[in-house]
Structures are given as structure tokens and as C-alpha cells.
C-alpha atoms as a PDB file:
ATOM      1  CA  UNK A   1     -18.999 -24.394  63.218  1.00  0.00           C
ATOM      2  CA  UNK A   2     -16.989 -21.203  62.730  1.00  0.00           C
ATOM      3  CA  UNK A   3     -18.378 -17.867  63.743  1.00  0.00           C
ATOM      4  CA  UNK A   4     -17.762 -14.496  62.077  1.00  0.00           C
ATOM      5  CA  UNK A   5     -16.549 -11.541  64.117  1.00  0.00           C
ATOM      6  CA  UNK A   6     -19.048  -9.324  62.300  1.00  0.00           C
ATOM      7  CA  UNK A   7     -22.366 -10.590  60.980  1.00  0.00           C
ATOM      8  CA  UNK A   8     -22.393 -11.130  57.232  1.00  0.00           C
ATOM      9  CA  UNK A   9     -25.249  -8.703  56.551  1.00  0.00           C
ATOM     10  CA  UNK A  10     -23.528  -5.901  58.462  1.00  0.00           C
ATOM     11  CA  UNK A  11     -20.246  -6.387  56.660  1.00  0.00           C
ATOM     12  CA  UNK A  12     -21.622  -6.626  53.102  1.00  0.00           C
ATOM     13  CA  UNK A  13     -24.934  -4.774  53.487  1.00  0.00           C
ATOM     14  CA  UNK A  14     -24.776  -2.677  50.322  1.00  0.00           C
ATOM     15  CA  UNK A  15     -23.369  -5.452  48.145  1.00  0.00           C
ATOM     16  CA  UNK A  16     -25.974  -7.952  49.298  1.00  0.00           C
ATOM     17  CA  UNK A  17     -28.869  -5.508  48.947  1.00  0.00           C
ATOM     18  CA  UNK A  18     -27.835  -4.605  45.382  1.00  0.00           C
ATOM     19  CA  UNK A  19     -27.551  -8.304  44.530  1.00  0.00           C
ATOM     20  CA  UNK A  20     -30.954  -9.122  46.016  1.00  0.00           C
ATOM     21  CA  UNK A  21     -32.692  -6.231  44.218  1.00  0.00           C
ATOM     22  CA  UNK A  22     -30.989  -7.108  40.926  1.00  0.00           C
ATOM     23  CA  UNK A  23     -32.052 -10.766  41.290  1.00  0.00           C
ATOM     24  CA  UNK A  24     -35.635  -9.648  41.977  1.00  0.00           C
ATOM     25  CA  UNK A  25     -35.573  -7.392  38.897  1.00  0.00           C
ATOM     26  CA  UNK A  26     -34.211 -10.297  36.827  1.00  0.00           C
ATOM     27  CA  UNK A  27     -37.031 -12.516  38.081  1.00  0.00           C
ATOM     28  CA  UNK A  28     -39.618  -9.881  37.131  1.00  0.00           C
ATOM     29  CA  UNK A  29     -38.001  -9.423  33.703  1.00  0.00           C
ATOM     30  CA  UNK A  30     -38.078 -13.149  32.955  1.00  0.00           C
ATOM     31  CA  UNK A  31     -41.672 -13.428  34.202  1.00  0.00           C
ATOM     32  CA  UNK A  32     -42.743 -10.666  31.790  1.00  0.00           C
ATOM     33  CA  UNK A  33     -43.926  -8.166  34.372  1.00  0.00           C
ATOM     34  CA  UNK A  34     -42.753  -5.193  32.293  1.00  0.00           C
ATOM     35  CA  UNK A  35     -44.142  -6.147  28.851  1.00  0.00           C
ATOM     36  CA  UNK A  36     -47.239  -3.917  28.923  1.00  0.00           C
ATOM     37  CA  UNK A  37     -45.729  -1.095  30.972  1.00  0.00           C
ATOM     38  CA  UNK A  38     -44.632   2.380  29.834  1.00  0.00           C
ATOM     39  CA  UNK A  39     -41.098   2.938  28.641  1.00  0.00           C
ATOM     40  CA  UNK A  40     -39.743   4.522  31.859  1.00  0.00           C
ATOM     41  CA  UNK A  41     -40.333   1.492  34.166  1.00  0.00           C
ATOM     42  CA  UNK A  42     -38.961  -0.801  31.470  1.00  0.00           C
ATOM     43  CA  UNK A  43     -35.866   1.349  31.129  1.00  0.00           C
ATOM     44  CA  UNK A  44     -35.317   1.491  34.910  1.00  0.00           C
ATOM     45  CA  UNK A  45     -36.140  -2.085  35.888  1.00  0.00           C
ATOM     46  CA  UNK A  46     -35.289  -4.493  33.068  1.00  0.00           C
ATOM     47  CA  UNK A  47     -31.994  -6.368  33.373  1.00  0.00           C
ATOM     48  CA  UNK A  48     -31.836  -7.943  29.903  1.00  0.00           C
ATOM     49  CA  UNK A  49     -30.140  -4.946  28.309  1.00  0.00           C
ATOM     50  CA  UNK A  50     -26.550  -6.187  28.142  1.00  0.00           C
ATOM     51  CA  UNK A  51     -25.962  -4.659  24.702  1.00  0.00           C
ATOM     52  CA  UNK A  52     -26.535  -1.110  25.943  1.00  0.00           C
ATOM     53  CA  UNK A  53     -23.035  -0.634  27.306  1.00  0.00           C
ATOM     54  CA  UNK A  54     -21.360  -1.993  24.179  1.00  0.00           C
ATOM     55  CA  UNK A  55     -23.627   0.069  21.919  1.00  0.00           C
ATOM     56  CA  UNK A  56     -23.285   3.339  23.818  1.00  0.00           C
ATOM     57  CA  UNK A  57     -21.496   6.059  21.883  1.00  0.00           C
ATOM     58  CA  UNK A  58     -20.174   7.746  25.024  1.00  0.00           C
ATOM     59  CA  UNK A  59     -18.055   4.751  26.033  1.00  0.00           C
ATOM     60  CA  UNK A  60     -14.889   4.607  23.973  1.00  0.00           C
ATOM     61  CA  UNK A  61     -11.190   4.269  24.470  1.00  0.00           C
ATOM     62  CA  UNK A  62      -9.306   7.579  24.380  1.00  0.00           C
ATOM     63  CA  UNK A  63      -6.428   8.085  22.029  1.00  0.00           C
ATOM     64  CA  UNK A  64      -3.576  10.583  22.344  1.00  0.00           C
ATOM     65  CA  UNK A  65      -4.290  14.198  21.368  1.00  0.00           C
ATOM     66  CA  UNK A  66      -7.946  13.553  20.492  1.00  0.00           C
ATOM     67  CA  UNK A  67      -8.882  17.055  21.681  1.00  0.00           C
ATOM     68  CA  UNK A  68      -5.993  18.770  19.906  1.00  0.00           C
ATOM     69  CA  UNK A  69      -2.540  19.784  20.963  1.00  0.00           C
ATOM     70  CA  UNK A  70      -2.121  20.865  24.571  1.00  0.00           C
ATOM     71  CA  UNK A  71      -1.752  24.576  25.314  1.00  0.00           C
ATOM     72  CA  UNK A  72       0.925  25.673  27.773  1.00  0.00           C
ATOM     73  CA  UNK A  73       0.645  29.003  29.564  1.00  0.00           C
ATOM     74  CA  UNK A  74       3.614  30.375  31.505  1.00  0.00           C
ATOM     75  CA  UNK A  75       1.396  31.696  34.314  1.00  0.00           C
ATOM     76  CA  UNK A  76      -0.121  28.278  34.901  1.00  0.00           C
ATOM     77  CA  UNK A  77       3.332  26.694  34.913  1.00  0.00           C
ATOM     78  CA  UNK A  78       4.515  29.146  37.577  1.00  0.00           C
ATOM     79  CA  UNK A  79       1.383  28.525  39.655  1.00  0.00           C
ATOM     80  CA  UNK A  80       1.985  24.767  39.593  1.00  0.00           C
ATOM     81  CA  UNK A  81       5.649  25.280  40.476  1.00  0.00           C
ATOM     82  CA  UNK A  82       4.650  27.509  43.401  1.00  0.00           C
ATOM     83  CA  UNK A  83       2.179  24.894  44.656  1.00  0.00           C
ATOM     84  CA  UNK A  84       4.822  22.164  44.377  1.00  0.00           C
ATOM     85  CA  UNK A  85       7.337  24.366  46.220  1.00  0.00           C
ATOM     86  CA  UNK A  86       4.879  25.017  49.070  1.00  0.00           C
ATOM     87  CA  UNK A  87       4.166  21.298  49.316  1.00  0.00           C
ATOM     88  CA  UNK A  88       7.894  20.554  49.391  1.00  0.00           C
ATOM     89  CA  UNK A  89       8.439  23.036  52.227  1.00  0.00           C
ATOM     90  CA  UNK A  90       5.534  21.569  54.214  1.00  0.00           C
ATOM     91  CA  UNK A  91       6.918  18.055  53.883  1.00  0.00           C
ATOM     92  CA  UNK A  92      10.380  19.268  54.912  1.00  0.00           C
ATOM     93  CA  UNK A  93       8.967  21.013  58.006  1.00  0.00           C
ATOM     94  CA  UNK A  94       6.931  17.949  58.941  1.00  0.00           C
ATOM     95  CA  UNK A  95       9.985  15.715  58.679  1.00  0.00           C
ATOM     96  CA  UNK A  96      12.059  18.117  60.779  1.00  0.00           C
ATOM     97  CA  UNK A  97       9.315  18.318  63.422  1.00  0.00           C
ATOM     98  CA  UNK A  98       9.030  14.527  63.434  1.00  0.00           C
ATOM     99  CA  UNK A  99      12.772  14.246  63.977  1.00  0.00           C
ATOM    100  CA  UNK A 100      12.676  16.849  66.769  1.00  0.00           C
ATOM    101  CA  UNK A 101       9.792  15.113  68.544  1.00  0.00           C
ATOM    102  CA  UNK A 102      11.539  11.765  68.135  1.00  0.00           C
ATOM    103  CA  UNK A 103      14.735  13.162  69.685  1.00  0.00           C
ATOM    104  CA  UNK A 104      12.881  14.665  72.651  1.00  0.00           C
ATOM    105  CA  UNK A 105      10.939  11.476  73.339  1.00  0.00           C
ATOM    106  CA  UNK A 106      14.069   9.356  72.980  1.00  0.00           C
ATOM    107  CA  UNK A 107      15.869  11.616  75.453  1.00  0.00           C
ATOM    108  CA  UNK A 108      13.012  11.312  77.904  1.00  0.00           C
ATOM    109  CA  UNK A 109      12.868   7.546  77.573  1.00  0.00           C
ATOM    110  CA  UNK A 110      16.620   6.979  77.762  1.00  0.00           C
ATOM    111  CA  UNK A 111      17.857   9.618  80.196  1.00  0.00           C
ATOM    112  CA  UNK A 112      14.922  10.211  82.522  1.00  0.00           C
ATOM    113  CA  UNK A 113      15.377   6.901  84.374  1.00  0.00           C
ATOM    114  CA  UNK A 114      19.073   7.699  84.875  1.00  0.00           C
ATOM    115  CA  UNK A 115      18.463  11.111  86.391  1.00  0.00           C
ATOM    116  CA  UNK A 116      15.250  10.487  88.274  1.00  0.00           C
ATOM    117  CA  UNK A 117      15.147   9.956  92.018  1.00  0.00           C
ATOM    118  CA  UNK A 118      14.806   6.332  93.037  1.00  0.00           C
ATOM    119  CA  UNK A 119      13.104   5.166  96.197  1.00  0.00           C
ATOM    120  CA  UNK A 120      14.354   1.587  96.289  1.00  0.00           C
ATOM    121  CA  UNK A 121      16.421   1.899  99.477  1.00  0.00           C
ATOM    122  CA  UNK A 122      14.243   4.497 101.106  1.00  0.00           C
ATOM    123  CA  UNK A 123      11.694   3.593 103.760  1.00  0.00           C
ATOM    124  CA  UNK A 124       9.245   6.352 102.927  1.00  0.00           C
ATOM    125  CA  UNK A 125       7.607   6.602  99.550  1.00  0.00           C
ATOM    126  CA  UNK A 126       5.967   9.774  98.306  1.00  0.00           C
ATOM    127  CA  UNK A 127       2.258   9.833  98.991  1.00  0.00           C
ATOM    128  CA  UNK A 128       1.261  12.435  96.434  1.00  0.00           C
ATOM    129  CA  UNK A 129       2.837  14.333  93.602  1.00  0.00           C
ATOM    130  CA  UNK A 130       3.528  17.278  95.889  1.00  0.00           C
ATOM    131  CA  UNK A 131       5.927  15.104  97.915  1.00  0.00           C
ATOM    132  CA  UNK A 132       8.148  14.590  94.866  1.00  0.00           C
END
């Protein structure tokens, strides 16, 4: 039998706990446990209220310009342009620094073995870093 790398309950803990609690609430709803209770527990615990989302007035599809025409202020435009310019400069500096670091590391990797001292034919090897 196959074995998971992570246990199932650790990987999907929140999803499984929500499913288990919802199934328990559905069982209590079908059994009629909330019939003679106040309105608040019925509102919080019943699961047979599928028409609530469709009947809610606050859920609707937006349409263009439903709040009126947009207002454009020159100061806000300049602020957004300044923020975009700062972001552009930061990205440019990061790319230049990445290229510089890449060049330095490539030089170290490629040219350090050519210029370093080799001890292949020597009989004595350095014992510590101070002997280098």
C-alpha cells in the first residue's frame, strides 16, 4: 500500500475540519435539533439556507460606470507617475546589481582555478590557511 509523505490530516487540516463540522451541522439540521431554538442559533448553525446567497441584495454583478463617471485629478496622476518611476528605477538598479554579481561570480569560477596555486607536483601540502 502506498504511503503519503505527509499525513492526510496535517496536509488538509482546515479543509477537513470545515467539512466535518459542516456535515455535523447538516446532520443536526435534518434531525430537527434547531426547530425550537431562538433565531440566532438557527441562523448560525442551519445548513438548509441555500437560497440566501441568491436572494441577497448585496451580491450582484457590477456594470460599467455604476457609481458615476470617474474623476481625474492632476495631482493624483503625478503621484502615480512618481511611484511608477521610483519602481522603474528600483527594478533597473536590481537588474544592474544582479548582472554585476553574476559577472563577479563568473570571474571567480572561471579564472580563479587558472590563477590559483596548485599543489599537484609538490610534496608538501599546506596544513592551515596561514601556510597559503
